[in-house]
Amino acid sequence: MLRRISLALVGLVVGGVLTIVGFAAYFLNYSTLNLIGFFYGIPLLLGGLALKASELEPVPLMEPTPPAVLDLRQAQATPTQTQILKDVTRFRYGQQAHLDISLGHLGLSPTDDERPILRGVRETEVDGAYTLVLNFESLLVPFETWKTKQEKMTTFFGPNVKVKLDSPEPDRVEVALIATPEPTPEKV
């Protein structure tokens, strides 16, 4: 819940209210409220503006996650899948794009202008395994380049993750991170 609330918006609202109260108190000669407005309101307002300037909004879920897939997530999701889902579905600050460092490490982001943009995520099931699907808009990195990086992606997002790539439409690439849980040893 809290990760879906913009800290920038909180700073702007609280800072704005305190600043207005401070100015009103100044003109009405209420010195204590005046100090609160100036010493807390203005810095909060400026902090909210700074956060807003560096804010990266959460990526939307492309479709609601079915309850069966939620259960599968609880049982099979790897720490990497869980962390990616948490990171891309919350407000981020000071980043250019979601997964920008990962894309750079994988060689899929030669420059900031060529970087694929994450447009949505969805959770699904593939052959009984929990799958997190990342949908990228890839205008300048062709699908063939993504295919050459598939093995590197499997290593990068592993262990216990298999990567499957798909291009459902031109300039779109779907990266499916499929959990491959280790089989539990059978008791004798």
N, C-alpha and C. Protein backbone atom coordinates (compact mmCIF):
# COMPACT_ATOMS: atom_id res chain seq x y z
N MET A 1 0.82 -1.20 0.00
CA MET A 1 0.00 0.00 0.00
C MET A 1 0.86 1.25 0.00
N LEU A 2 1.81 1.34 0.94
CA LEU A 2 2.63 2.54 1.05
C LEU A 2 3.53 2.74 -0.16
N ARG A 3 3.94 1.63 -0.82
CA ARG A 3 4.83 1.79 -1.96
C ARG A 3 4.11 2.39 -3.16
N ARG A 4 2.80 2.40 -3.14
CA ARG A 4 2.03 2.98 -4.23
C ARG A 4 1.66 4.45 -3.97
N ILE A 5 2.13 4.99 -2.85
CA ILE A 5 1.88 6.40 -2.53
C ILE A 5 3.13 7.20 -2.89
N SER A 6 2.93 8.26 -3.62
CA SER A 6 4.03 9.11 -4.04
C SER A 6 4.52 9.97 -2.88
N LEU A 7 5.78 9.78 -2.50
CA LEU A 7 6.36 10.62 -1.45
C LEU A 7 6.42 12.08 -1.90
N ALA A 8 6.60 12.28 -3.19
CA ALA A 8 6.63 13.65 -3.72
C ALA A 8 5.28 14.33 -3.49
N LEU A 9 4.20 13.62 -3.74
CA LEU A 9 2.86 14.20 -3.54
C LEU A 9 2.62 14.48 -2.07
N VAL A 10 3.05 13.59 -1.19
CA VAL A 10 2.90 13.81 0.25
C VAL A 10 3.67 15.07 0.66
N GLY A 11 4.91 15.19 0.18
CA GLY A 11 5.73 16.37 0.49
C GLY A 11 5.11 17.65 -0.03
N LEU A 12 4.57 17.60 -1.24
CA LEU A 12 3.94 18.78 -1.82
C LEU A 12 2.68 19.19 -1.05
N VAL A 13 1.85 18.23 -0.70
CA VAL A 13 0.60 18.55 0.00
C VAL A 13 0.88 19.06 1.41
N VAL A 14 1.66 18.29 2.19
CA VAL A 14 1.93 18.70 3.57
C VAL A 14 2.73 20.01 3.59
N GLY A 15 3.75 20.10 2.75
CA GLY A 15 4.55 21.32 2.69
C GLY A 15 3.74 22.51 2.24
N GLY A 16 2.85 22.30 1.26
CA GLY A 16 2.01 23.38 0.77
C GLY A 16 1.05 23.88 1.84
N VAL A 17 0.43 22.95 2.55
CA VAL A 17 -0.51 23.33 3.61
C VAL A 17 0.22 24.10 4.72
N LEU A 18 1.37 23.57 5.16
CA LEU A 18 2.11 24.25 6.23
C LEU A 18 2.61 25.63 5.78
N THR A 19 3.01 25.73 4.54
CA THR A 19 3.48 27.03 4.02
C THR A 19 2.34 28.04 3.98
N ILE A 20 1.18 27.61 3.51
CA ILE A 20 0.02 28.52 3.46
C ILE A 20 -0.39 28.93 4.88
N VAL A 21 -0.38 27.96 5.80
CA VAL A 21 -0.69 28.28 7.20
C VAL A 21 0.34 29.28 7.74
N GLY A 22 1.60 29.09 7.40
CA GLY A 22 2.65 30.00 7.86
C GLY A 22 2.46 31.41 7.34
N PHE A 23 2.13 31.54 6.06
CA PHE A 23 1.90 32.88 5.50
C PHE A 23 0.66 33.52 6.11
N ALA A 24 -0.40 32.73 6.28
CA ALA A 24 -1.62 33.28 6.89
C ALA A 24 -1.33 33.72 8.33
N ALA A 25 -0.56 32.91 9.05
CA ALA A 25 -0.22 33.26 10.44
C ALA A 25 0.65 34.51 10.48
N TYR A 26 1.51 34.68 9.49
CA TYR A 26 2.36 35.87 9.44
C TYR A 26 1.50 37.13 9.31
N PHE A 27 0.52 37.07 8.41
CA PHE A 27 -0.33 38.24 8.20
C PHE A 27 -1.32 38.47 9.35
N LEU A 28 -1.64 37.41 10.09
CA LEU A 28 -2.55 37.54 11.22
C LEU A 28 -1.80 37.71 12.54
N ASN A 29 -0.47 37.76 12.45
CA ASN A 29 0.40 38.01 13.59
C ASN A 29 0.35 36.89 14.64
N TYR A 30 0.34 35.65 14.19
CA TYR A 30 0.47 34.48 15.06
C TYR A 30 1.88 33.93 14.87
N SER A 31 2.78 34.34 15.72
CA SER A 31 4.20 34.06 15.52
C SER A 31 4.55 32.57 15.58
N THR A 32 3.92 31.80 16.43
CA THR A 32 4.26 30.37 16.54
C THR A 32 3.87 29.62 15.27
N LEU A 33 2.67 29.85 14.79
CA LEU A 33 2.25 29.21 13.53
C LEU A 33 3.08 29.72 12.36
N ASN A 34 3.47 30.96 12.42
CA ASN A 34 4.31 31.53 11.39
C ASN A 34 5.62 30.76 11.30
N LEU A 35 6.25 30.47 12.43
CA LEU A 35 7.52 29.74 12.44
C LEU A 35 7.35 28.31 11.91
N ILE A 36 6.25 27.67 12.29
CA ILE A 36 6.00 26.31 11.80
C ILE A 36 5.90 26.31 10.28
N GLY A 37 5.18 27.26 9.76
CA GLY A 37 5.03 27.35 8.31
C GLY A 37 6.33 27.59 7.59
N PHE A 38 7.14 28.49 8.11
CA PHE A 38 8.39 28.82 7.43
C PHE A 38 9.48 27.77 7.65
N PHE A 39 9.60 27.24 8.86
CA PHE A 39 10.69 26.30 9.15
C PHE A 39 10.39 24.86 8.73
N TYR A 40 9.11 24.50 8.64
CA TYR A 40 8.77 23.13 8.23
C TYR A 40 8.08 23.11 6.86
N GLY A 41 7.21 24.04 6.63
CA GLY A 41 6.44 24.03 5.39
C GLY A 41 7.26 24.24 4.15
N ILE A 42 8.09 25.29 4.14
CA ILE A 42 8.88 25.58 2.94
C ILE A 42 9.88 24.47 2.63
N PRO A 43 10.64 23.94 3.61
CA PRO A 43 11.54 22.82 3.28
C PRO A 43 10.80 21.57 2.79
N LEU A 44 9.64 21.26 3.38
CA LEU A 44 8.87 20.12 2.90
C LEU A 44 8.36 20.35 1.48
N LEU A 45 7.94 21.54 1.20
CA LEU A 45 7.47 21.89 -0.14
C LEU A 45 8.61 21.76 -1.16
N LEU A 46 9.77 22.27 -0.81
CA LEU A 46 10.92 22.16 -1.72
C LEU A 46 11.38 20.71 -1.88
N GLY A 47 11.34 19.95 -0.78
CA GLY A 47 11.67 18.53 -0.86
C GLY A 47 10.69 17.77 -1.75
N GLY A 48 9.41 18.09 -1.63
CA GLY A 48 8.40 17.48 -2.50
C GLY A 48 8.63 17.80 -3.96
N LEU A 49 9.01 19.05 -4.24
CA LEU A 49 9.31 19.44 -5.63
C LEU A 49 10.53 18.69 -6.16
N ALA A 50 11.55 18.54 -5.32
CA ALA A 50 12.76 17.81 -5.74
C ALA A 50 12.44 16.34 -6.02
N LEU A 51 11.64 15.73 -5.14
CA LEU A 51 11.26 14.33 -5.36
C LEU A 51 10.41 14.18 -6.63
N LYS A 52 9.52 15.14 -6.86
CA LYS A 52 8.66 15.08 -8.06
C LYS A 52 9.50 15.15 -9.33
N ALA A 53 10.57 15.93 -9.29
CA ALA A 53 11.43 16.07 -10.46
C ALA A 53 12.17 14.77 -10.78
N SER A 54 12.43 13.93 -9.77
CA SER A 54 13.17 12.70 -9.99
C SER A 54 12.30 11.44 -9.85
N GLU A 55 10.99 11.61 -9.88
CA GLU A 55 10.06 10.51 -9.63
C GLU A 55 9.88 9.63 -10.87
N LEU A 56 9.88 8.32 -10.64
CA LEU A 56 9.60 7.34 -11.67
C LEU A 56 8.36 6.58 -11.21
N GLU A 57 7.28 6.69 -11.97
CA GLU A 57 6.00 6.10 -11.56
C GLU A 57 6.02 4.58 -11.67
N PRO A 58 5.19 3.90 -10.89
CA PRO A 58 5.13 2.43 -10.96
C PRO A 58 4.63 1.97 -12.32
N VAL A 59 5.09 0.79 -12.70
CA VAL A 59 4.64 0.18 -13.94
C VAL A 59 3.30 -0.51 -13.65
N PRO A 60 2.32 -0.36 -14.54
CA PRO A 60 1.01 -0.97 -14.25
C PRO A 60 1.01 -2.48 -14.48
N LEU A 61 0.13 -3.16 -13.75
CA LEU A 61 -0.14 -4.57 -14.02
C LEU A 61 -0.99 -4.61 -15.29
N MET A 62 -0.60 -5.43 -16.24
CA MET A 62 -1.30 -5.49 -17.52
C MET A 62 -2.67 -6.15 -17.39
N GLU A 63 -2.80 -7.02 -16.39
CA GLU A 63 -4.07 -7.68 -16.12
C GLU A 63 -4.06 -8.11 -14.66
N PRO A 64 -5.24 -8.23 -14.05
CA PRO A 64 -5.27 -8.68 -12.65
C PRO A 64 -4.70 -10.09 -12.53
N THR A 65 -4.02 -10.32 -11.43
CA THR A 65 -3.42 -11.63 -11.19
C THR A 65 -4.48 -12.58 -10.63
N PRO A 66 -4.71 -13.72 -11.31
CA PRO A 66 -5.69 -14.69 -10.80
C PRO A 66 -5.26 -15.27 -9.45
N PRO A 67 -6.22 -15.63 -8.60
CA PRO A 67 -5.87 -16.19 -7.29
C PRO A 67 -4.98 -17.43 -7.37
N ALA A 68 -5.18 -18.27 -8.38
CA ALA A 68 -4.34 -19.47 -8.52
C ALA A 68 -2.88 -19.09 -8.75
N VAL A 69 -2.65 -18.01 -9.50
CA VAL A 69 -1.28 -17.56 -9.76
C VAL A 69 -0.69 -16.92 -8.50
N LEU A 70 -1.52 -16.25 -7.71
CA LEU A 70 -1.04 -15.70 -6.44
C LEU A 70 -0.55 -16.81 -5.52
N ASP A 71 -1.29 -17.92 -5.48
CA ASP A 71 -0.86 -19.07 -4.69
C ASP A 71 0.44 -19.65 -5.24
N LEU A 72 0.54 -19.69 -6.55
CA LEU A 72 1.75 -20.19 -7.19
C LEU A 72 2.94 -19.29 -6.87
N ARG A 73 2.70 -17.97 -6.83
CA ARG A 73 3.77 -17.03 -6.47
C ARG A 73 4.28 -17.32 -5.07
N GLN A 74 3.36 -17.52 -4.15
CA GLN A 74 3.75 -17.82 -2.76
C GLN A 74 4.60 -19.08 -2.68
N ALA A 75 4.27 -20.07 -3.50
CA ALA A 75 4.94 -21.36 -3.43
C ALA A 75 6.25 -21.41 -4.23
N GLN A 76 6.31 -20.70 -5.36
CA GLN A 76 7.43 -20.93 -6.28
C GLN A 76 8.29 -19.71 -6.61
N ALA A 77 7.82 -18.50 -6.38
CA ALA A 77 8.56 -17.31 -6.82
C ALA A 77 9.95 -17.28 -6.23
N THR A 78 10.92 -16.96 -7.07
CA THR A 78 12.30 -16.83 -6.60
C THR A 78 12.47 -15.45 -5.98
N PRO A 79 13.52 -15.26 -5.17
CA PRO A 79 13.77 -13.93 -4.61
C PRO A 79 13.94 -12.86 -5.70
N THR A 80 14.53 -13.24 -6.82
CA THR A 80 14.72 -12.28 -7.92
C THR A 80 13.39 -11.84 -8.50
N GLN A 81 12.50 -12.80 -8.76
CA GLN A 81 11.18 -12.46 -9.29
C GLN A 81 10.42 -11.57 -8.32
N THR A 82 10.46 -11.90 -7.05
CA THR A 82 9.77 -11.13 -6.02
C THR A 82 10.32 -9.70 -5.96
N GLN A 83 11.65 -9.56 -6.00
CA GLN A 83 12.26 -8.24 -5.92
C GLN A 83 11.93 -7.40 -7.14
N ILE A 84 11.98 -7.99 -8.32
CA ILE A 84 11.65 -7.25 -9.55
C ILE A 84 10.21 -6.76 -9.49
N LEU A 85 9.29 -7.64 -9.09
CA LEU A 85 7.89 -7.23 -9.01
C LEU A 85 7.69 -6.08 -8.03
N LYS A 86 8.33 -6.17 -6.87
CA LYS A 86 8.22 -5.08 -5.88
C LYS A 86 8.83 -3.79 -6.41
N ASP A 87 9.98 -3.89 -7.04
CA ASP A 87 10.68 -2.68 -7.51
C ASP A 87 9.94 -1.94 -8.61
N VAL A 88 9.38 -2.67 -9.57
CA VAL A 88 8.77 -2.00 -10.71
C VAL A 88 7.34 -1.53 -10.44
N THR A 89 6.73 -2.03 -9.36
CA THR A 89 5.34 -1.63 -9.07
C THR A 89 5.27 -0.62 -7.92
N ARG A 90 6.36 0.08 -7.67
CA ARG A 90 6.34 1.14 -6.66
C ARG A 90 7.03 2.38 -7.23
N PHE A 91 6.79 3.51 -6.57
CA PHE A 91 7.45 4.74 -6.97
C PHE A 91 8.95 4.61 -6.72
N ARG A 92 9.75 5.09 -7.65
CA ARG A 92 11.20 5.08 -7.52
C ARG A 92 11.68 6.52 -7.70
N TYR A 93 12.82 6.81 -7.09
CA TYR A 93 13.35 8.18 -7.15
C TYR A 93 14.82 8.13 -7.56
N GLY A 94 15.21 9.02 -8.45
CA GLY A 94 16.60 9.12 -8.87
C GLY A 94 17.00 8.14 -9.95
N GLN A 95 16.07 7.44 -10.55
CA GLN A 95 16.36 6.52 -11.64
C GLN A 95 15.79 7.07 -12.93
N GLN A 96 16.45 6.74 -14.04
CA GLN A 96 15.97 7.18 -15.35
C GLN A 96 14.80 6.31 -15.83
N ALA A 97 14.92 4.99 -15.60
CA ALA A 97 13.90 4.04 -16.06
C ALA A 97 13.94 2.80 -15.19
N HIS A 98 12.85 2.06 -15.18
CA HIS A 98 12.81 0.80 -14.43
C HIS A 98 13.80 -0.18 -15.07
N LEU A 99 14.55 -0.86 -14.24
CA LEU A 99 15.52 -1.88 -14.64
C LEU A 99 16.62 -1.33 -15.54
N ASP A 100 16.92 -0.04 -15.45
CA ASP A 100 17.93 0.57 -16.31
C ASP A 100 19.32 -0.04 -16.09
N ILE A 101 19.68 -0.31 -14.84
CA ILE A 101 20.99 -0.89 -14.55
C ILE A 101 21.06 -2.32 -15.09
N SER A 102 20.00 -3.08 -14.90
CA SER A 102 19.96 -4.46 -15.39
C SER A 102 20.07 -4.50 -16.91
N LEU A 103 19.32 -3.64 -17.60
CA LEU A 103 19.39 -3.61 -19.06
C LEU A 103 20.77 -3.22 -19.55
N GLY A 104 21.41 -2.28 -18.85
CA GLY A 104 22.77 -1.89 -19.21
C GLY A 104 23.75 -3.04 -19.03
N HIS A 105 23.61 -3.77 -17.92
CA HIS A 105 24.49 -4.91 -17.65
C HIS A 105 24.31 -6.01 -18.70
N LEU A 106 23.09 -6.18 -19.17
CA LEU A 106 22.81 -7.21 -20.17
C LEU A 106 23.18 -6.78 -21.59
N GLY A 107 23.56 -5.52 -21.76
CA GLY A 107 23.93 -5.04 -23.09
C GLY A 107 22.73 -4.68 -23.94
N LEU A 108 21.60 -4.41 -23.32
CA LEU A 108 20.38 -4.06 -24.05
C LEU A 108 20.07 -2.57 -23.98
N SER A 109 20.98 -1.80 -23.40
CA SER A 109 20.77 -0.36 -23.27
C SER A 109 22.06 0.37 -23.63
N PRO A 110 22.40 0.40 -24.94
CA PRO A 110 23.66 1.03 -25.32
C PRO A 110 23.74 2.50 -24.91
N THR A 111 22.63 3.22 -25.02
CA THR A 111 22.57 4.62 -24.58
C THR A 111 21.22 4.85 -23.91
N ASP A 112 21.10 5.97 -23.22
CA ASP A 112 19.83 6.29 -22.58
C ASP A 112 18.71 6.44 -23.61
N ASP A 113 19.04 6.94 -24.80
CA ASP A 113 18.02 7.13 -25.83
C ASP A 113 17.56 5.82 -26.45
N GLU A 114 18.41 4.80 -26.43
CA GLU A 114 18.09 3.52 -27.04
C GLU A 114 17.50 2.52 -26.05
N ARG A 115 17.45 2.87 -24.78
CA ARG A 115 17.01 1.95 -23.74
C ARG A 115 15.56 1.53 -23.95
N PRO A 116 15.28 0.22 -23.90
CA PRO A 116 13.89 -0.23 -23.91
C PRO A 116 13.17 0.26 -22.65
N ILE A 117 11.89 0.54 -22.79
CA ILE A 117 11.09 1.06 -21.68
C ILE A 117 10.11 -0.01 -21.22
N LEU A 118 10.13 -0.30 -19.91
CA LEU A 118 9.19 -1.26 -19.33
C LEU A 118 7.81 -0.61 -19.29
N ARG A 119 6.84 -1.22 -19.99
CA ARG A 119 5.50 -0.65 -20.08
C ARG A 119 4.46 -1.36 -19.23
N GLY A 120 4.76 -2.59 -18.80
CA GLY A 120 3.79 -3.30 -17.99
C GLY A 120 4.34 -4.64 -17.53
N VAL A 121 3.71 -5.19 -16.51
CA VAL A 121 4.07 -6.52 -16.02
C VAL A 121 2.79 -7.31 -15.81
N ARG A 122 2.94 -8.62 -15.86
CA ARG A 122 1.81 -9.49 -15.53
C ARG A 122 2.36 -10.77 -14.94
N GLU A 123 1.52 -11.39 -14.14
CA GLU A 123 1.88 -12.66 -13.53
C GLU A 123 0.99 -13.73 -14.14
N THR A 124 1.61 -14.84 -14.48
CA THR A 124 0.86 -15.92 -15.10
C THR A 124 1.49 -17.24 -14.72
N GLU A 125 0.98 -18.30 -15.32
CA GLU A 125 1.49 -19.65 -15.07
C GLU A 125 1.85 -20.26 -16.41
N VAL A 126 3.04 -20.85 -16.49
CA VAL A 126 3.50 -21.53 -17.70
C VAL A 126 3.91 -22.94 -17.31
N ASP A 127 3.19 -23.91 -17.82
CA ASP A 127 3.46 -25.33 -17.53
C ASP A 127 3.53 -25.60 -16.03
N GLY A 128 2.63 -25.01 -15.29
CA GLY A 128 2.57 -25.23 -13.84
C GLY A 128 3.58 -24.44 -13.04
N ALA A 129 4.32 -23.53 -13.67
CA ALA A 129 5.35 -22.75 -12.98
C ALA A 129 4.94 -21.28 -12.93
N TYR A 130 5.26 -20.63 -11.81
CA TYR A 130 5.00 -19.19 -11.66
C TYR A 130 5.87 -18.43 -12.66
N THR A 131 5.25 -17.47 -13.36
CA THR A 131 5.95 -16.71 -14.38
C THR A 131 5.64 -15.22 -14.23
N LEU A 132 6.70 -14.43 -14.23
CA LEU A 132 6.58 -12.97 -14.22
C LEU A 132 6.95 -12.49 -15.62
N VAL A 133 6.03 -11.80 -16.28
CA VAL A 133 6.24 -11.34 -17.65
C VAL A 133 6.45 -9.84 -17.64
N LEU A 134 7.59 -9.42 -18.19
CA LEU A 134 7.93 -8.00 -18.31
C LEU A 134 7.71 -7.58 -19.76
N ASN A 135 6.88 -6.57 -19.98
CA ASN A 135 6.56 -6.12 -21.33
C ASN A 135 7.31 -4.83 -21.62
N PHE A 136 8.25 -4.90 -22.56
CA PHE A 136 9.08 -3.75 -22.92
C PHE A 136 8.68 -3.18 -24.27
N GLU A 137 8.74 -1.85 -24.36
CA GLU A 137 8.67 -1.17 -25.64
C GLU A 137 10.12 -1.01 -26.08
N SER A 138 10.48 -1.66 -27.19
CA SER A 138 11.87 -1.70 -27.64
C SER A 138 11.94 -1.16 -29.06
N LEU A 139 11.93 0.16 -29.17
CA LEU A 139 11.91 0.79 -30.49
C LEU A 139 13.25 0.68 -31.22
N LEU A 140 14.36 0.77 -30.48
CA LEU A 140 15.67 0.83 -31.13
C LEU A 140 16.54 -0.40 -30.91
N VAL A 141 16.09 -1.33 -30.08
CA VAL A 141 16.83 -2.58 -29.88
C VAL A 141 15.98 -3.69 -30.51
N PRO A 142 16.43 -4.25 -31.63
CA PRO A 142 15.60 -5.25 -32.32
C PRO A 142 15.48 -6.55 -31.53
N PHE A 143 14.43 -7.31 -31.84
CA PHE A 143 14.15 -8.56 -31.14
C PHE A 143 15.31 -9.55 -31.31
N GLU A 144 15.98 -9.52 -32.45
CA GLU A 144 17.12 -10.41 -32.68
C GLU A 144 18.22 -10.16 -31.65
N THR A 145 18.44 -8.92 -31.26
CA THR A 145 19.43 -8.59 -30.23
C THR A 145 19.00 -9.17 -28.89
N TRP A 146 17.73 -9.08 -28.57
CA TRP A 146 17.22 -9.67 -27.34
C TRP A 146 17.47 -11.18 -27.34
N LYS A 147 17.23 -11.84 -28.49
CA LYS A 147 17.41 -13.28 -28.58
C LYS A 147 18.86 -13.68 -28.31
N THR A 148 19.82 -12.86 -28.77
CA THR A 148 21.23 -13.19 -28.54
C THR A 148 21.60 -13.07 -27.07
N LYS A 149 20.82 -12.33 -26.31
CA LYS A 149 21.09 -12.13 -24.88
C LYS A 149 20.30 -13.07 -23.98
N GLN A 150 19.52 -13.98 -24.55
CA GLN A 150 18.63 -14.83 -23.75
C GLN A 150 19.41 -15.68 -22.75
N GLU A 151 20.50 -16.29 -23.16
CA GLU A 151 21.27 -17.12 -22.23
C GLU A 151 21.88 -16.28 -21.11
N LYS A 152 22.36 -15.08 -21.46
CA LYS A 152 22.92 -14.19 -20.45
C LYS A 152 21.83 -13.76 -19.46
N MET A 153 20.61 -13.53 -19.95
CA MET A 153 19.49 -13.16 -19.08
C MET A 153 19.17 -14.28 -18.11
N THR A 154 19.19 -15.53 -18.60
CA THR A 154 18.90 -16.67 -17.73
C THR A 154 19.91 -16.73 -16.58
N THR A 155 21.18 -16.50 -16.89
CA THR A 155 22.21 -16.48 -15.86
C THR A 155 22.03 -15.29 -14.93
N PHE A 156 21.72 -14.13 -15.51
CA PHE A 156 21.59 -12.90 -14.74
C PHE A 156 20.43 -12.97 -13.75
N PHE A 157 19.28 -13.46 -14.18
CA PHE A 157 18.10 -13.49 -13.33
C PHE A 157 18.01 -14.77 -12.48
N GLY A 158 18.90 -15.72 -12.72
CA GLY A 158 18.89 -16.99 -11.98
C GLY A 158 19.40 -16.81 -10.57
N PRO A 159 19.47 -17.86 -9.82
CA PRO A 159 19.21 -19.25 -10.19
C PRO A 159 17.72 -19.57 -10.15
N ASN A 160 17.41 -20.74 -10.63
CA ASN A 160 16.04 -21.27 -10.64
C ASN A 160 15.07 -20.41 -11.45
N VAL A 161 15.60 -19.76 -12.50
CA VAL A 161 14.76 -18.97 -13.41
C VAL A 161 15.16 -19.31 -14.84
N LYS A 162 14.15 -19.53 -15.65
CA LYS A 162 14.35 -19.75 -17.08
C LYS A 162 13.74 -18.54 -17.79
N VAL A 163 14.42 -18.02 -18.79
CA VAL A 163 13.94 -16.85 -19.51
C VAL A 163 13.42 -17.28 -20.89
N LYS A 164 12.23 -16.81 -21.20
CA LYS A 164 11.64 -17.04 -22.51
C LYS A 164 11.29 -15.69 -23.11
N LEU A 165 11.63 -15.48 -24.36
CA LEU A 165 11.38 -14.20 -25.03
C LEU A 165 10.29 -14.36 -26.07
N ASP A 166 9.52 -13.30 -26.26
CA ASP A 166 8.47 -13.28 -27.26
C ASP A 166 8.32 -11.85 -27.76
N SER A 167 7.90 -11.72 -29.00
CA SER A 167 7.62 -10.40 -29.57
C SER A 167 6.18 -10.41 -30.06
N PRO A 168 5.21 -10.07 -29.17
CA PRO A 168 3.80 -10.18 -29.53
C PRO A 168 3.36 -9.19 -30.62
N GLU A 169 4.10 -8.12 -30.77
CA GLU A 169 3.81 -7.13 -31.81
C GLU A 169 5.10 -6.38 -32.12
N PRO A 170 5.16 -5.68 -33.24
CA PRO A 170 6.40 -4.95 -33.56
C PRO A 170 6.76 -3.95 -32.45
N ASP A 171 8.04 -3.85 -32.19
CA ASP A 171 8.59 -2.93 -31.19
C ASP A 171 8.18 -3.27 -29.76
N ARG A 172 7.69 -4.49 -29.53
CA ARG A 172 7.36 -4.95 -28.18
C ARG A 172 8.10 -6.27 -27.93
N VAL A 173 8.64 -6.39 -26.74
CA VAL A 173 9.33 -7.61 -26.34
C VAL A 173 8.81 -8.01 -24.97
N GLU A 174 8.43 -9.27 -24.85
CA GLU A 174 8.02 -9.80 -23.55
C GLU A 174 9.09 -10.74 -23.04
N VAL A 175 9.57 -10.45 -21.83
CA VAL A 175 10.56 -11.28 -21.17
C VAL A 175 9.83 -12.04 -20.07
N ALA A 176 9.70 -13.36 -20.25
CA ALA A 176 9.03 -14.20 -19.27
C ALA A 176 10.08 -14.82 -18.36
N LEU A 177 10.00 -14.50 -17.08
CA LEU A 177 10.89 -15.09 -16.08
C LEU A 177 10.13 -16.24 -15.42
N ILE A 178 10.46 -17.45 -15.82
CA ILE A 178 9.73 -18.65 -15.41
C ILE A 178 10.48 -19.32 -14.26
N ALA A 179 9.81 -19.51 -13.15
CA ALA A 179 10.43 -20.17 -12.00
C ALA A 179 10.66 -21.64 -12.33
N THR A 180 11.83 -22.11 -11.98
CA THR A 180 12.15 -23.53 -12.13
C THR A 180 12.58 -24.06 -10.77
N PRO A 181 11.59 -24.27 -9.89
CA PRO A 181 11.93 -24.68 -8.53
C PRO A 181 12.67 -26.01 -8.52
N GLU A 182 13.59 -26.13 -7.59
CA GLU A 182 14.32 -27.37 -7.44
C GLU A 182 13.36 -28.44 -6.94
N PRO A 183 13.43 -29.64 -7.52
CA PRO A 183 12.52 -30.69 -7.04
C PRO A 183 12.88 -31.09 -5.61
N THR A 184 11.84 -31.31 -4.85
CA THR A 184 12.07 -31.72 -3.46
C THR A 184 12.42 -33.20 -3.45
N PRO A 185 13.44 -33.57 -2.69
CA PRO A 185 13.83 -34.99 -2.66
C PRO A 185 12.73 -35.84 -2.04
N GLU A 186 12.53 -36.98 -2.65
CA GLU A 186 11.49 -37.89 -2.16
C GLU A 186 12.01 -38.63 -0.93
N LYS A 187 11.15 -38.78 0.04
CA LYS A 187 11.55 -39.49 1.26
C LYS A 187 11.39 -40.99 1.04
N VAL A 188 12.36 -41.73 1.55
CA VAL A 188 12.35 -43.18 1.37
C VAL A 188 11.62 -43.85 2.48
